[in-house]
Each structure stands twice: as structure tokens, then as C-alpha cells.
Amino acid sequence: MKYRNISLKNYLNLSEKVKNNGSFCVFYELGGKDYYVNGKKHRENGPAVEYYNGIKDWYLNGLFYPFEEWLELAPISNEEKILLKLKYS
């Protein structure tokens, strides 16, 4: 999935219609980022929330999941799952 990179300030200025019909990677000044699809936190190939301190949260369609559960539900190949498990476990 292709995300449009955007600052938090610019994202907050978007209309709800635009937010709810697009894919965005929202960047924060301190270095964190959130991924949104159709107005909900969502990412299928990595964490949907990356905090500036390195902590990561995993979301699909706006719902939070622990990493292992997210990994089972993510619609990606087994090879991609193995690579993500090696990277984030």
C-alpha cells in the first residue's frame, strides 16, 4: 500500500472526507509517525504507530493488536511474516 507522507499539522487541516478516503503516513516533530487508511490506524507491513522513543503499536482497521496476534491477522505472505518477526521480535 502506498501512503502519502504528511506532517501532523497538515493532516489535521485535511477535511474528514479526504482523511476517510486516503492512506497517510503522519509525521510528528519528535520523530514518531502514524499510518492511517480511510481515517483509521492501519498498516499491513509493519507497525501502524512508531513512537519517537522506539515503541511500536500494531493496528488493522483501527483496532489495536499485540504483535503476535497482528502477525497472524495481517494479509501478507508467510515469508513477509517471518521477516517481520525477525525484525520486531
PDB file of N, CA and C in Angstrom:
ATOM      1  N   MET A   1       0.834  -1.174   0.000  1.00  0.00           N
ATOM      2  CA  MET A   1       0.000   0.000   0.000  1.00  0.00           C
ATOM      3  C   MET A   1       0.883   1.243   0.000  1.00  0.00           C
ATOM      4  N   LYS A   2       0.496   2.221  -0.738  1.00  0.00           N
ATOM      5  CA  LYS A   2       1.241   3.473  -0.846  1.00  0.00           C
ATOM      6  C   LYS A   2       0.610   4.517   0.090  1.00  0.00           C
ATOM      7  N   TYR A   3       1.432   5.095   0.956  1.00  0.00           N
ATOM      8  CA  TYR A   3       0.973   6.118   1.891  1.00  0.00           C
ATOM      9  C   TYR A   3       1.485   7.482   1.465  1.00  0.00           C
ATOM     10  N   ARG A   4       0.655   8.477   1.645  1.00  0.00           N
ATOM     11  CA  ARG A   4       1.053   9.861   1.383  1.00  0.00           C
ATOM     12  C   ARG A   4       1.692  10.403   2.660  1.00  0.00           C
ATOM     13  N   ASN A   5       2.953  10.831   2.579  1.00  0.00           N
ATOM     14  CA  ASN A   5       3.653  11.399   3.729  1.00  0.00           C
ATOM     15  C   ASN A   5       3.149  12.808   3.990  1.00  0.00           C
ATOM     16  N   ILE A   6       2.837  13.105   5.272  1.00  0.00           N
ATOM     17  CA  ILE A   6       2.248  14.391   5.609  1.00  0.00           C
ATOM     18  C   ILE A   6       2.581  14.726   7.064  1.00  0.00           C
ATOM     19  N   SER A   7       2.776  15.999   7.350  1.00  0.00           N
ATOM     20  CA  SER A   7       3.032  16.411   8.727  1.00  0.00           C
ATOM     21  C   SER A   7       1.730  16.367   9.520  1.00  0.00           C
ATOM     22  N   LEU A   8       1.844  16.288  10.828  1.00  0.00           N
ATOM     23  CA  LEU A   8       0.654  16.272  11.683  1.00  0.00           C
ATOM     24  C   LEU A   8      -0.181  17.530  11.461  1.00  0.00           C
ATOM     25  N   LYS A   9       0.481  18.669  11.381  1.00  0.00           N
ATOM     26  CA  LYS A   9      -0.233  19.938  11.178  1.00  0.00           C
ATOM     27  C   LYS A   9      -1.063  19.884   9.895  1.00  0.00           C
ATOM     28  N   ASN A  10      -0.477  19.431   8.807  1.00  0.00           N
ATOM     29  CA  ASN A  10      -1.194  19.356   7.540  1.00  0.00           C
ATOM     30  C   ASN A  10      -2.304  18.299   7.569  1.00  0.00           C
ATOM     31  N   TYR A  11      -2.045  17.185   8.262  1.00  0.00           N
ATOM     32  CA  TYR A  11      -3.068  16.146   8.369  1.00  0.00           C
ATOM     33  C   TYR A  11      -4.299  16.670   9.120  1.00  0.00           C
ATOM     34  N   LEU A  12      -4.059  17.396  10.207  1.00  0.00           N
ATOM     35  CA  LEU A  12      -5.174  17.928  10.997  1.00  0.00           C
ATOM     36  C   LEU A  12      -6.001  18.935  10.209  1.00  0.00           C
ATOM     37  N   ASN A  13      -5.408  19.564   9.219  1.00  0.00           N
ATOM     38  CA  ASN A  13      -6.119  20.541   8.397  1.00  0.00           C
ATOM     39  C   ASN A  13      -6.904  19.909   7.241  1.00  0.00           C
ATOM     40  N   LEU A  14      -6.727  18.617   7.021  1.00  0.00           N
ATOM     41  CA  LEU A  14      -7.466  17.945   5.949  1.00  0.00           C
ATOM     42  C   LEU A  14      -8.935  17.786   6.336  1.00  0.00           C
ATOM     43  N   SER A  15      -9.800  17.774   5.362  1.00  0.00           N
ATOM     44  CA  SER A  15     -11.211  17.522   5.632  1.00  0.00           C
ATOM     45  C   SER A  15     -11.401  16.056   6.014  1.00  0.00           C
ATOM     46  N   GLU A  16     -12.474  15.759   6.727  1.00  0.00           N
ATOM     47  CA  GLU A  16     -12.776  14.377   7.103  1.00  0.00           C
ATOM     48  C   GLU A  16     -12.971  13.514   5.856  1.00  0.00           C
ATOM     49  N   LYS A  17     -13.526  14.103   4.808  1.00  0.00           N
ATOM     50  CA  LYS A  17     -13.741  13.364   3.560  1.00  0.00           C
ATOM     51  C   LYS A  17     -12.407  12.892   2.985  1.00  0.00           C
ATOM     52  N   VAL A  18     -11.407  13.760   2.986  1.00  0.00           N
ATOM     53  CA  VAL A  18     -10.086  13.389   2.461  1.00  0.00           C
ATOM     54  C   VAL A  18      -9.441  12.345   3.366  1.00  0.00           C
ATOM     55  N   LYS A  19      -9.499  12.557   4.697  1.00  0.00           N
ATOM     56  CA  LYS A  19      -8.910  11.597   5.639  1.00  0.00           C
ATOM     57  C   LYS A  19      -9.544  10.223   5.492  1.00  0.00           C
ATOM     58  N   ASN A  20     -10.853  10.200   5.283  1.00  0.00           N
ATOM     59  CA  ASN A  20     -11.586   8.933   5.226  1.00  0.00           C
ATOM     60  C   ASN A  20     -11.519   8.243   3.872  1.00  0.00           C
ATOM     61  N   ASN A  21     -10.789   8.828   2.929  1.00  0.00           N
ATOM     62  CA  ASN A  21     -10.671   8.233   1.600  1.00  0.00           C
ATOM     63  C   ASN A  21      -9.228   8.194   1.119  1.00  0.00           C
ATOM     64  N   GLY A  22      -8.302   8.065   2.059  1.00  0.00           N
ATOM     65  CA  GLY A  22      -6.905   8.063   1.658  1.00  0.00           C
ATOM     66  C   GLY A  22      -6.033   7.264   2.600  1.00  0.00           C
ATOM     67  N   SER A  23      -4.760   7.172   2.234  1.00  0.00           N
ATOM     68  CA  SER A  23      -3.746   6.480   3.024  1.00  0.00           C
ATOM     69  C   SER A  23      -2.649   7.480   3.357  1.00  0.00           C
ATOM     70  N   PHE A  24      -2.380   7.669   4.644  1.00  0.00           N
ATOM     71  CA  PHE A  24      -1.444   8.696   5.076  1.00  0.00           C
ATOM     72  C   PHE A  24      -0.442   8.151   6.083  1.00  0.00           C
ATOM     73  N   CYS A  25       0.783   8.624   5.969  1.00  0.00           N
ATOM     74  CA  CYS A  25       1.800   8.423   6.993  1.00  0.00           C
ATOM     75  C   CYS A  25       2.028   9.797   7.607  1.00  0.00           C
ATOM     76  N   VAL A  26       1.576   9.958   8.853  1.00  0.00           N
ATOM     77  CA  VAL A  26       1.628  11.242   9.530  1.00  0.00           C
ATOM     78  C   VAL A  26       2.897  11.308  10.368  1.00  0.00           C
ATOM     79  N   PHE A  27       3.726  12.327  10.099  1.00  0.00           N
ATOM     80  CA  PHE A  27       4.989  12.506  10.798  1.00  0.00           C
ATOM     81  C   PHE A  27       4.854  13.538  11.912  1.00  0.00           C
ATOM     82  N   TYR A  28       5.447  13.229  13.069  1.00  0.00           N
ATOM     83  CA  TYR A  28       5.474  14.141  14.213  1.00  0.00           C
ATOM     84  C   TYR A  28       6.839  14.796  14.320  1.00  0.00           C
ATOM     85  N   GLU A  29       6.875  15.974  14.908  1.00  0.00           N
ATOM     86  CA  GLU A  29       8.130  16.720  15.023  1.00  0.00           C
ATOM     87  C   GLU A  29       9.228  15.950  15.738  1.00  0.00           C
ATOM     88  N   LEU A  30       8.877  15.197  16.775  1.00  0.00           N
ATOM     89  CA  LEU A  30       9.883  14.468  17.546  1.00  0.00           C
ATOM     90  C   LEU A  30      10.361  13.194  16.861  1.00  0.00           C
ATOM     91  N   GLY A  31       9.726  12.821  15.748  1.00  0.00           N
ATOM     92  CA  GLY A  31      10.188  11.670  15.000  1.00  0.00           C
ATOM     93  C   GLY A  31       9.238  10.502  14.926  1.00  0.00           C
ATOM     94  N   GLY A  32       8.145  10.533  15.651  1.00  0.00           N
ATOM     95  CA  GLY A  32       7.175   9.447  15.569  1.00  0.00           C
ATOM     96  C   GLY A  32       6.359   9.535  14.296  1.00  0.00           C
ATOM     97  N   LYS A  33       5.610   8.475  14.014  1.00  0.00           N
ATOM     98  CA  LYS A  33       4.717   8.503  12.859  1.00  0.00           C
ATOM     99  C   LYS A  33       3.562   7.539  13.063  1.00  0.00           C
ATOM    100  N   ASP A  34       2.432   7.878  12.469  1.00  0.00           N
ATOM    101  CA  ASP A  34       1.219   7.062  12.489  1.00  0.00           C
ATOM    102  C   ASP A  34       0.795   6.807  11.051  1.00  0.00           C
ATOM    103  N   TYR A  35       0.283   5.610  10.808  1.00  0.00           N
ATOM    104  CA  TYR A  35      -0.213   5.247   9.482  1.00  0.00           C
ATOM    105  C   TYR A  35      -1.733   5.122   9.542  1.00  0.00           C
ATOM    106  N   TYR A  36      -2.406   5.773   8.611  1.00  0.00           N
ATOM    107  CA  TYR A  36      -3.868   5.763   8.546  1.00  0.00           C
ATOM    108  C   TYR A  36      -4.339   5.333   7.165  1.00  0.00           C
ATOM    109  N   VAL A  37      -5.404   4.556   7.145  1.00  0.00           N
ATOM    110  CA  VAL A  37      -6.099   4.208   5.909  1.00  0.00           C
ATOM    111  C   VAL A  37      -7.576   4.456   6.159  1.00  0.00           C
ATOM    112  N   ASN A  38      -8.153   5.295   5.318  1.00  0.00           N
ATOM    113  CA  ASN A  38      -9.574   5.638   5.449  1.00  0.00           C
ATOM    114  C   ASN A  38      -9.930   6.120   6.847  1.00  0.00           C
ATOM    115  N   GLY A  39      -9.047   6.947   7.424  1.00  0.00           N
ATOM    116  CA  GLY A  39      -9.304   7.562   8.716  1.00  0.00           C
ATOM    117  C   GLY A  39      -9.029   6.694   9.928  1.00  0.00           C
ATOM    118  N   LYS A  40      -8.537   5.462   9.738  1.00  0.00           N
ATOM    119  CA  LYS A  40      -8.263   4.560  10.846  1.00  0.00           C
ATOM    120  C   LYS A  40      -6.797   4.160  10.845  1.00  0.00           C
ATOM    121  N   LYS A  41      -6.221   3.981  12.051  1.00  0.00           N
ATOM    122  CA  LYS A  41      -4.848   3.492  12.117  1.00  0.00           C
ATOM    123  C   LYS A  41      -4.816   2.103  11.489  1.00  0.00           C
ATOM    124  N   HIS A  42      -3.888   1.938  10.547  1.00  0.00           N
ATOM    125  CA  HIS A  42      -3.849   0.675   9.810  1.00  0.00           C
ATOM    126  C   HIS A  42      -2.516   0.563   9.079  1.00  0.00           C
ATOM    127  N   ARG A  43      -1.932  -0.606   9.195  1.00  0.00           N
ATOM    128  CA  ARG A  43      -0.742  -0.920   8.391  1.00  0.00           C
ATOM    129  C   ARG A  43      -0.600  -2.419   8.319  1.00  0.00           C
ATOM    130  N   GLU A  44      -0.363  -2.933   7.124  1.00  0.00           N
ATOM    131  CA  GLU A  44      -0.281  -4.373   6.897  1.00  0.00           C
ATOM    132  C   GLU A  44       1.142  -4.896   6.815  1.00  0.00           C
ATOM    133  N   ASN A  45       2.126  -4.015   6.693  1.00  0.00           N
ATOM    134  CA  ASN A  45       3.505  -4.480   6.534  1.00  0.00           C
ATOM    135  C   ASN A  45       4.447  -3.921   7.593  1.00  0.00           C
ATOM    136  N   GLY A  46       3.892  -3.545   8.743  1.00  0.00           N
ATOM    137  CA  GLY A  46       4.705  -3.017   9.827  1.00  0.00           C
ATOM    138  C   GLY A  46       3.823  -2.350  10.864  1.00  0.00           C
ATOM    139  N   PRO A  47       4.435  -1.735  11.866  1.00  0.00           N
ATOM    140  CA  PRO A  47       3.647  -1.093  12.912  1.00  0.00           C
ATOM    141  C   PRO A  47       2.910   0.131  12.377  1.00  0.00           C
ATOM    142  N   ALA A  48       1.678   0.331  12.838  1.00  0.00           N
ATOM    143  CA  ALA A  48       0.889   1.494  12.412  1.00  0.00           C
ATOM    144  C   ALA A  48       1.250   2.723  13.218  1.00  0.00           C
ATOM    145  N   VAL A  49       1.858   2.518  14.387  1.00  0.00           N
ATOM    146  CA  VAL A  49       2.300   3.637  15.223  1.00  0.00           C
ATOM    147  C   VAL A  49       3.748   3.375  15.602  1.00  0.00           C
ATOM    148  N   GLU A  50       4.594   4.366  15.329  1.00  0.00           N
ATOM    149  CA  GLU A  50       6.004   4.302  15.715  1.00  0.00           C
ATOM    150  C   GLU A  50       6.299   5.538  16.548  1.00  0.00           C
ATOM    151  N   TYR A  51       6.468   5.342  17.848  1.00  0.00           N
ATOM    152  CA  TYR A  51       6.739   6.458  18.743  1.00  0.00           C
ATOM    153  C   TYR A  51       8.189   6.896  18.615  1.00  0.00           C
ATOM    154  N   TYR A  52       8.461   8.146  18.963  1.00  0.00           N
ATOM    155  CA  TYR A  52       9.821   8.692  18.844  1.00  0.00           C
ATOM    156  C   TYR A  52      10.822   7.913  19.695  1.00  0.00           C
ATOM    157  N   ASN A  53      10.346   7.244  20.759  1.00  0.00           N
ATOM    158  CA  ASN A  53      11.244   6.504  21.651  1.00  0.00           C
ATOM    159  C   ASN A  53      11.465   5.054  21.226  1.00  0.00           C
ATOM    160  N   GLY A  54      10.908   4.663  20.065  1.00  0.00           N
ATOM    161  CA  GLY A  54      11.130   3.332  19.526  1.00  0.00           C
ATOM    162  C   GLY A  54      10.015   2.328  19.788  1.00  0.00           C
ATOM    163  N   ILE A  55       9.080   2.662  20.663  1.00  0.00           N
ATOM    164  CA  ILE A  55       7.944   1.770  20.915  1.00  0.00           C
ATOM    165  C   ILE A  55       7.057   1.736  19.681  1.00  0.00           C
ATOM    166  N   LYS A  56       6.486   0.563  19.406  1.00  0.00           N
ATOM    167  CA  LYS A  56       5.646   0.386  18.220  1.00  0.00           C
ATOM    168  C   LYS A  56       4.313  -0.242  18.612  1.00  0.00           C
ATOM    169  N   ASP A  57       3.252   0.176  17.941  1.00  0.00           N
ATOM    170  CA  ASP A  57       1.915  -0.396  18.136  1.00  0.00           C
ATOM    171  C   ASP A  57       1.403  -0.911  16.803  1.00  0.00           C
ATOM    172  N   TRP A  58       0.599  -1.947  16.872  1.00  0.00           N
ATOM    173  CA  TRP A  58       0.161  -2.686  15.693  1.00  0.00           C
ATOM    174  C   TRP A  58      -1.344  -2.571  15.541  1.00  0.00           C
ATOM    175  N   TYR A  59      -1.808  -2.066  14.406  1.00  0.00           N
ATOM    176  CA  TYR A  59      -3.234  -1.857  14.145  1.00  0.00           C
ATOM    177  C   TYR A  59      -3.627  -2.400  12.773  1.00  0.00           C
ATOM    178  N   LEU A  60      -4.846  -2.881  12.714  1.00  0.00           N
ATOM    179  CA  LEU A  60      -5.501  -3.210  11.452  1.00  0.00           C
ATOM    180  C   LEU A  60      -6.914  -2.640  11.538  1.00  0.00           C
ATOM    181  N   ASN A  61      -7.278  -1.824  10.574  1.00  0.00           N
ATOM    182  CA  ASN A  61      -8.619  -1.221  10.509  1.00  0.00           C
ATOM    183  C   ASN A  61      -9.035  -0.530  11.805  1.00  0.00           C
ATOM    184  N   GLY A  62      -8.096   0.167  12.412  1.00  0.00           N
ATOM    185  CA  GLY A  62      -8.395   0.930  13.615  1.00  0.00           C
ATOM    186  C   GLY A  62      -8.370   0.138  14.904  1.00  0.00           C
ATOM    187  N   LEU A  63      -8.117  -1.150  14.836  1.00  0.00           N
ATOM    188  CA  LEU A  63      -8.084  -1.992  16.034  1.00  0.00           C
ATOM    189  C   LEU A  63      -6.655  -2.343  16.408  1.00  0.00           C
ATOM    190  N   PHE A  64      -6.340  -2.172  17.696  1.00  0.00           N
ATOM    191  CA  PHE A  64      -5.012  -2.495  18.213  1.00  0.00           C
ATOM    192  C   PHE A  64      -4.891  -3.994  18.442  1.00  0.00           C
ATOM    193  N   TYR A  65      -3.707  -4.539  18.110  1.00  0.00           N
ATOM    194  CA  TYR A  65      -3.411  -5.942  18.364  1.00  0.00           C
ATOM    195  C   TYR A  65      -2.000  -6.061  18.931  1.00  0.00           C
ATOM    196  N   PRO A  66      -1.788  -7.013  19.849  1.00  0.00           N
ATOM    197  CA  PRO A  66      -0.407  -7.342  20.214  1.00  0.00           C
ATOM    198  C   PRO A  66       0.298  -7.862  18.963  1.00  0.00           C
ATOM    199  N   PHE A  67       1.593  -7.709  18.910  1.00  0.00           N
ATOM    200  CA  PHE A  67       2.352  -8.040  17.699  1.00  0.00           C
ATOM    201  C   PHE A  67       2.052  -9.442  17.183  1.00  0.00           C
ATOM    202  N   GLU A  68       2.107 -10.453  18.034  1.00  0.00           N
ATOM    203  CA  GLU A  68       1.912 -11.830  17.579  1.00  0.00           C
ATOM    204  C   GLU A  68       0.520 -12.032  16.973  1.00  0.00           C
ATOM    205  N   GLU A  69      -0.492 -11.428  17.568  1.00  0.00           N
ATOM    206  CA  GLU A  69      -1.846 -11.556  17.030  1.00  0.00           C
ATOM    207  C   GLU A  69      -1.975 -10.785  15.713  1.00  0.00           C
ATOM    208  N   TRP A  70      -1.387  -9.584  15.672  1.00  0.00           N
ATOM    209  CA  TRP A  70      -1.386  -8.795  14.433  1.00  0.00           C
ATOM    210  C   TRP A  70      -0.737  -9.599  13.307  1.00  0.00           C
ATOM    211  N   LEU A  71       0.375 -10.250  13.641  1.00  0.00           N
ATOM    212  CA  LEU A  71       1.120 -11.030  12.647  1.00  0.00           C
ATOM    213  C   LEU A  71       0.261 -12.151  12.064  1.00  0.00           C
ATOM    214  N   GLU A  72      -0.543 -12.780  12.890  1.00  0.00           N
ATOM    215  CA  GLU A  72      -1.434 -13.845  12.404  1.00  0.00           C
ATOM    216  C   GLU A  72      -2.514 -13.287  11.480  1.00  0.00           C
ATOM    217  N   LEU A  73      -3.004 -12.078  11.783  1.00  0.00           N
ATOM    218  CA  LEU A  73      -4.113 -11.495  11.032  1.00  0.00           C
ATOM    219  C   LEU A  73      -3.691 -10.717   9.790  1.00  0.00           C
ATOM    220  N   ALA A  74      -2.466 -10.252   9.765  1.00  0.00           N
ATOM    221  CA  ALA A  74      -2.006  -9.418   8.648  1.00  0.00           C
ATOM    222  C   ALA A  74      -2.084 -10.188   7.331  1.00  0.00           C
ATOM    223  N   PRO A  75      -2.659  -9.570   6.301  1.00  0.00           N
ATOM    224  CA  PRO A  75      -2.813 -10.239   4.999  1.00  0.00           C
ATOM    225  C   PRO A  75      -1.539 -10.156   4.153  1.00  0.00           C
ATOM    226  N   ILE A  76      -0.487 -10.785   4.669  1.00  0.00           N
ATOM    227  CA  ILE A  76       0.805 -10.792   3.974  1.00  0.00           C
ATOM    228  C   ILE A  76       1.296 -12.233   3.881  1.00  0.00           C
ATOM    229  N   SER A  77       2.310 -12.437   3.067  1.00  0.00           N
ATOM    230  CA  SER A  77       2.826 -13.793   2.853  1.00  0.00           C
ATOM    231  C   SER A  77       3.544 -14.307   4.100  1.00  0.00           C
ATOM    232  N   ASN A  78       3.690 -15.616   4.172  1.00  0.00           N
ATOM    233  CA  ASN A  78       4.430 -16.223   5.282  1.00  0.00           C
ATOM    234  C   ASN A  78       5.877 -15.748   5.308  1.00  0.00           C
ATOM    235  N   GLU A  79       6.455 -15.541   4.136  1.00  0.00           N
ATOM    236  CA  GLU A  79       7.828 -15.041   4.060  1.00  0.00           C
ATOM    237  C   GLU A  79       7.921 -13.646   4.681  1.00  0.00           C
ATOM    238  N   GLU A  80       6.965 -12.779   4.359  1.00  0.00           N
ATOM    239  CA  GLU A  80       6.950 -11.438   4.947  1.00  0.00           C
ATOM    240  C   GLU A  80       6.749 -11.512   6.457  1.00  0.00           C
ATOM    241  N   LYS A  81       5.929 -12.424   6.912  1.00  0.00           N
ATOM    242  CA  LYS A  81       5.688 -12.586   8.352  1.00  0.00           C
ATOM    243  C   LYS A  81       6.965 -13.003   9.068  1.00  0.00           C
ATOM    244  N   ILE A  82       7.714 -13.916   8.464  1.00  0.00           N
ATOM    245  CA  ILE A  82       8.980 -14.365   9.056  1.00  0.00           C
ATOM    246  C   ILE A  82       9.949 -13.193   9.150  1.00  0.00           C
ATOM    247  N   LEU A  83      10.051 -12.415   8.082  1.00  0.00           N
ATOM    248  CA  LEU A  83      10.960 -11.271   8.096  1.00  0.00           C
ATOM    249  C   LEU A  83      10.559 -10.249   9.156  1.00  0.00           C
ATOM    250  N   LEU A  84       9.255  -9.986   9.292  1.00  0.00           N
ATOM    251  CA  LEU A  84       8.795  -9.052  10.309  1.00  0.00           C
ATOM    252  C   LEU A  84       9.046  -9.585  11.713  1.00  0.00           C
ATOM    253  N   LYS A  85       8.858 -10.873  11.895  1.00  0.00           N
ATOM    254  CA  LYS A  85       9.105 -11.480  13.204  1.00  0.00           C
ATOM    255  C   LYS A  85      10.590 -11.365  13.579  1.00  0.00           C
ATOM    256  N   LEU A  86      11.464 -11.587  12.613  1.00  0.00           N
ATOM    257  CA  LEU A  86      12.894 -11.420  12.852  1.00  0.00           C
ATOM    258  C   LEU A  86      13.247  -9.966  13.171  1.00  0.00           C
ATOM    259  N   LYS A  87      12.601  -9.064  12.514  1.00  0.00           N
ATOM    260  CA  LYS A  87      12.899  -7.637  12.698  1.00  0.00           C
ATOM    261  C   LYS A  87      12.355  -7.082  14.007  1.00  0.00           C
ATOM    262  N   TYR A  88      11.141  -7.494  14.409  1.00  0.00           N
ATOM    263  CA  TYR A  88      10.465  -6.851  15.537  1.00  0.00           C
ATOM    264  C   TYR A  88      10.333  -7.688  16.799  1.00  0.00           C
ATOM    265  N   SER A  89      10.675  -8.965  16.773  1.00  0.00           N
ATOM    266  CA  SER A  89      10.537  -9.794  17.979  1.00  0.00           C
ATOM    267  C   SER A  89      11.738  -9.651  18.874  1.00  0.00           C
TER     268      SER A  89
END
